[in-house]
Amino acid sequence: AGIQGAIQILAEALPKGDPRTQVTDEIQKQIYKLERLVKDLLNFVKPVPKNYLPIDMNELVDKVLSFFVTQRGKTEGMKIEKKLFPSLPKAMIDPSSMEQAFLNIILNAQKAMPKGGTFTVSTGAFPQKKDDGKAAREVQIIFEDTGIGIPRENLPRIFNPFFSTRPDGTGLGLAITKNIVEQNGGKIEVESRVNVGTKFIITLPAITQSA
């Protein structure tokens, strides 16, 4: 914060059109990257708050998508579709941390579709309700984009801390997401094809109930 404040003062003191503003602009960009890296590191190492509540995942998906659209405004040709399973059983999770996990995936999808595309969020319950009246034991949330995809050789490493194929990436977003999902008792999987798209599948234990 101190460095950023000092650079802003220096930049404001330079005459308009001064070529040295290119240097101060670059410094401010690098400060922003450092700030984001520090925040990601703190998010990666801190434990997920244990504020577990019975949550309707359809409602959580709606909330995160609404927040994303509101904050991002224009989504650069990114079309959002929802396919939400009705009467979805609830999952016992920490909603704040799971919102962050969902948002990380959505932001990744946006970056993977620089020229636009379709982003689809689906929910489901598995196994389906049986004849004996038992409810589904798992809830799935599937995030699918039509972006550039991930090369097959990179798929085993995308959840590793600091692994990134983007020059502006910290390599911590998906590692944080995996931590959050696992600390909420779930698992995350990925499927991808280059120039076709990527699918992230989050599976969480459902709250089982009798009919």
Protein backbone atom coordinates (compact mmCIF):
# COMPACT_ATOMS: atom_id res chain seq x y z
CA ALA A 1 0.00 0.00 0.00
CA GLY A 2 2.87 2.34 0.82
CA ILE A 3 4.61 1.71 -2.50
CA GLN A 4 1.35 2.14 -4.39
CA GLY A 5 0.64 5.46 -2.68
CA ALA A 6 4.14 6.75 -3.41
CA ILE A 7 3.90 5.80 -7.10
CA GLN A 8 0.54 7.51 -7.46
CA ILE A 9 2.00 10.72 -6.04
CA LEU A 10 4.93 10.52 -8.46
CA ALA A 11 2.63 9.83 -11.41
CA GLU A 12 0.37 12.76 -10.59
CA ALA A 13 3.39 15.08 -10.47
CA LEU A 14 4.49 14.22 -14.03
CA PRO A 15 3.32 16.46 -16.90
CA LYS A 16 0.64 15.08 -19.20
CA GLY A 17 2.23 13.10 -22.03
CA ASP A 18 5.51 12.59 -20.15
CA PRO A 19 7.01 9.26 -21.33
CA ARG A 20 7.96 8.46 -17.74
CA THR A 21 4.28 7.76 -17.03
CA GLN A 22 4.77 4.48 -18.92
CA VAL A 23 7.19 3.46 -16.16
CA THR A 24 4.85 4.46 -13.32
CA ASP A 25 1.94 2.70 -15.05
CA GLU A 26 3.96 -0.50 -15.31
CA ILE A 27 4.96 -0.29 -11.64
CA GLN A 28 1.30 0.06 -10.64
CA LYS A 29 0.40 -2.98 -12.75
CA GLN A 30 3.10 -5.03 -11.02
CA ILE A 31 1.93 -3.82 -7.60
CA TYR A 32 -1.59 -5.00 -8.47
CA LYS A 33 -0.22 -8.45 -9.42
CA LEU A 34 1.72 -8.62 -6.15
CA GLU A 35 -1.37 -7.67 -4.17
CA ARG A 36 -3.40 -10.37 -5.87
CA LEU A 37 -0.66 -12.96 -5.27
CA VAL A 38 -0.54 -12.14 -1.55
CA LYS A 39 -4.33 -12.40 -1.27
CA ASP A 40 -4.30 -15.74 -3.10
CA LEU A 41 -1.53 -17.05 -0.83
CA LEU A 42 -3.49 -16.06 2.28
CA ASN A 43 -6.63 -17.71 0.90
CA PHE A 44 -4.65 -20.87 0.09
CA VAL A 45 -3.11 -21.33 3.53
CA LYS A 46 -5.98 -20.24 5.76
CA PRO A 47 -8.49 -22.90 6.84
CA VAL A 48 -12.05 -22.77 5.56
CA PRO A 49 -14.39 -21.35 8.25
CA LYS A 50 -16.50 -24.11 9.76
CA ASN A 51 -19.84 -22.40 9.35
CA TYR A 52 -21.62 -25.38 7.85
CA LEU A 53 -25.28 -24.91 6.94
CA PRO A 54 -27.85 -26.86 4.91
CA ILE A 55 -27.67 -25.06 1.57
CA ASP A 56 -29.75 -25.26 -1.60
CA MET A 57 -27.06 -25.42 -4.28
CA ASN A 58 -29.43 -24.08 -6.96
CA GLU A 59 -29.88 -20.93 -4.90
CA LEU A 60 -26.12 -20.66 -4.33
CA VAL A 61 -25.46 -20.98 -8.07
CA ASP A 62 -28.00 -18.23 -8.79
CA LYS A 63 -26.43 -15.97 -6.19
CA VAL A 64 -22.88 -16.37 -7.51
CA LEU A 65 -23.90 -15.91 -11.16
CA SER A 66 -25.88 -12.77 -10.28
CA PHE A 67 -22.88 -11.38 -8.40
CA PHE A 68 -20.57 -12.15 -11.33
CA VAL A 69 -22.84 -10.43 -13.87
CA THR A 70 -23.35 -7.41 -11.59
CA GLN A 71 -19.65 -6.95 -10.85
CA ARG A 72 -18.37 -7.68 -14.35
CA GLY A 73 -21.04 -5.82 -16.31
CA LYS A 74 -20.21 -6.65 -19.93
CA THR A 75 -19.10 -10.26 -20.16
CA GLU A 76 -17.39 -9.88 -23.56
CA GLY A 77 -19.79 -12.12 -25.47
CA MET A 78 -19.96 -14.73 -22.70
CA LYS A 79 -23.41 -16.32 -22.79
CA ILE A 80 -24.53 -17.86 -19.48
CA GLU A 81 -26.94 -20.80 -19.35
CA LYS A 82 -28.40 -22.61 -16.35
CA LYS A 83 -29.74 -26.15 -16.18
CA LEU A 84 -30.80 -26.57 -12.58
CA PHE A 85 -32.24 -29.85 -11.31
CA PRO A 86 -35.59 -29.28 -9.54
CA SER A 87 -36.08 -30.43 -5.94
CA LEU A 88 -32.34 -30.72 -5.42
CA PRO A 89 -31.39 -32.10 -2.00
CA LYS A 90 -29.44 -29.70 0.20
CA ALA A 91 -25.75 -30.05 1.06
CA MET A 92 -24.14 -29.25 4.41
CA ILE A 93 -21.44 -26.74 3.45
CA ASP A 94 -19.87 -23.43 4.35
CA PRO A 95 -21.63 -21.13 1.85
CA SER A 96 -19.10 -18.27 1.89
CA SER A 97 -16.15 -20.45 0.95
CA MET A 98 -18.15 -22.36 -1.67
CA GLU A 99 -19.18 -19.07 -3.27
CA GLN A 100 -15.49 -18.28 -3.67
CA ALA A 101 -14.84 -21.70 -5.23
CA PHE A 102 -17.67 -21.20 -7.74
CA LEU A 103 -16.50 -17.69 -8.58
CA ASN A 104 -12.93 -18.91 -9.21
CA ILE A 105 -14.23 -21.40 -11.77
CA ILE A 106 -16.44 -18.79 -13.46
CA LEU A 107 -13.54 -16.33 -13.74
CA ASN A 108 -11.35 -19.08 -15.22
CA ALA A 109 -14.04 -19.81 -17.79
CA GLN A 110 -14.27 -16.15 -18.75
CA LYS A 111 -10.51 -15.98 -19.32
CA ALA A 112 -10.67 -19.19 -21.37
CA MET A 113 -13.18 -17.55 -23.75
CA PRO A 114 -11.50 -14.26 -24.79
CA LYS A 115 -13.60 -14.11 -27.95
CA GLY A 116 -16.81 -15.10 -26.20
CA GLY A 117 -18.61 -18.40 -25.87
CA THR A 118 -21.15 -20.26 -23.77
CA PHE A 119 -20.81 -20.98 -20.07
CA THR A 120 -23.25 -23.53 -18.70
CA VAL A 121 -23.92 -24.40 -15.06
CA SER A 122 -25.86 -27.60 -14.35
CA THR A 123 -26.91 -29.27 -11.12
CA GLY A 124 -27.95 -32.84 -10.48
CA ALA A 125 -28.65 -35.40 -7.77
CA PHE A 126 -27.14 -38.91 -7.75
CA PRO A 127 -28.36 -41.55 -7.39
CA GLN A 128 -31.90 -40.49 -8.20
CA LYS A 129 -34.73 -41.12 -5.75
CA LYS A 130 -35.31 -44.85 -5.37
CA ASP A 131 -38.45 -46.91 -4.87
CA ASP A 132 -37.68 -47.32 -1.16
CA GLY A 133 -38.11 -43.57 -0.67
CA LYS A 134 -34.48 -42.75 0.08
CA ALA A 135 -33.21 -39.42 -1.23
CA ALA A 136 -30.15 -38.88 -3.38
CA ARG A 137 -26.82 -39.20 -1.62
CA GLU A 138 -24.79 -36.75 -3.74
CA VAL A 139 -25.23 -33.36 -5.34
CA GLN A 140 -23.28 -32.37 -8.45
CA ILE A 141 -22.58 -28.91 -9.80
CA ILE A 142 -21.11 -28.88 -13.31
CA PHE A 143 -19.45 -25.83 -14.85
CA GLU A 144 -18.82 -26.09 -18.60
CA ASP A 145 -17.30 -23.58 -21.03
CA THR A 146 -16.66 -23.55 -24.77
CA GLY A 147 -13.20 -22.02 -24.39
CA ILE A 148 -9.69 -22.82 -25.51
CA GLY A 149 -9.47 -25.97 -23.38
CA ILE A 150 -6.57 -27.47 -21.46
CA PRO A 151 -3.88 -29.64 -23.11
CA ARG A 152 -4.03 -33.26 -21.94
CA GLU A 153 -0.51 -33.13 -20.47
CA ASN A 154 -1.52 -30.22 -18.21
CA LEU A 155 -4.69 -31.76 -16.79
CA PRO A 156 -2.96 -33.66 -13.93
CA ARG A 157 -1.31 -30.42 -12.76
CA ILE A 158 -4.03 -27.78 -12.91
CA PHE A 159 -4.87 -28.10 -9.19
CA ASN A 160 -1.20 -27.86 -8.17
CA PRO A 161 -0.25 -24.64 -6.35
CA PHE A 162 1.51 -22.10 -8.61
CA PHE A 163 0.84 -24.01 -11.82
CA SER A 164 -0.49 -21.65 -14.49
CA THR A 165 -0.33 -21.41 -18.27
CA ARG A 166 -1.25 -17.70 -18.26
CA PRO A 167 1.42 -15.03 -17.80
CA ASP A 168 -0.91 -13.04 -15.53
CA GLY A 169 -1.99 -16.03 -13.44
CA THR A 170 -0.83 -16.81 -9.90
CA GLY A 171 -1.55 -20.52 -10.20
CA LEU A 172 -3.49 -20.52 -6.94
CA GLY A 173 -7.12 -20.07 -8.01
CA LEU A 174 -7.85 -23.72 -8.76
CA ALA A 175 -5.67 -24.93 -5.87
CA ILE A 176 -7.79 -22.80 -3.53
CA THR A 177 -10.96 -24.13 -5.16
CA LYS A 178 -9.86 -27.74 -4.64
CA ASN A 179 -9.02 -27.05 -0.98
CA ILE A 180 -12.43 -25.49 -0.40
CA VAL A 181 -14.35 -28.33 -2.05
CA GLU A 182 -12.42 -31.01 -0.15
CA GLN A 183 -12.75 -29.21 3.20
CA ASN A 184 -16.50 -29.19 2.58
CA GLY A 185 -16.43 -32.96 2.17
CA GLY A 186 -16.59 -33.00 -1.64
CA LYS A 187 -14.40 -33.63 -4.64
CA ILE A 188 -13.66 -31.77 -7.88
CA GLU A 189 -12.86 -33.30 -11.27
CA VAL A 190 -11.99 -31.81 -14.64
CA GLU A 191 -12.51 -32.84 -18.26
CA SER A 192 -11.16 -30.80 -21.16
CA ARG A 193 -10.41 -30.83 -24.86
CA VAL A 194 -8.30 -28.22 -26.64
CA ASN A 195 -10.42 -25.80 -28.72
CA VAL A 196 -13.60 -27.51 -27.50
CA GLY A 197 -13.92 -26.51 -23.86
CA THR A 198 -13.54 -27.46 -20.21
CA LYS A 199 -15.86 -29.02 -17.66
CA PHE A 200 -15.41 -28.85 -13.88
CA ILE A 201 -17.51 -31.26 -11.84
CA ILE A 202 -18.02 -30.67 -8.11
CA THR A 203 -19.61 -33.49 -6.12
CA LEU A 204 -20.83 -32.91 -2.57
CA PRO A 205 -22.54 -35.22 -0.08
CA ALA A 206 -26.24 -34.47 0.15
CA ILE A 207 -28.29 -34.34 3.32
CA THR A 208 -30.23 -37.59 3.11
CA GLN A 209 -33.86 -37.58 4.12
CA SER A 210 -36.68 -40.05 4.13
CA ALA A 211 -39.59 -39.40 1.79
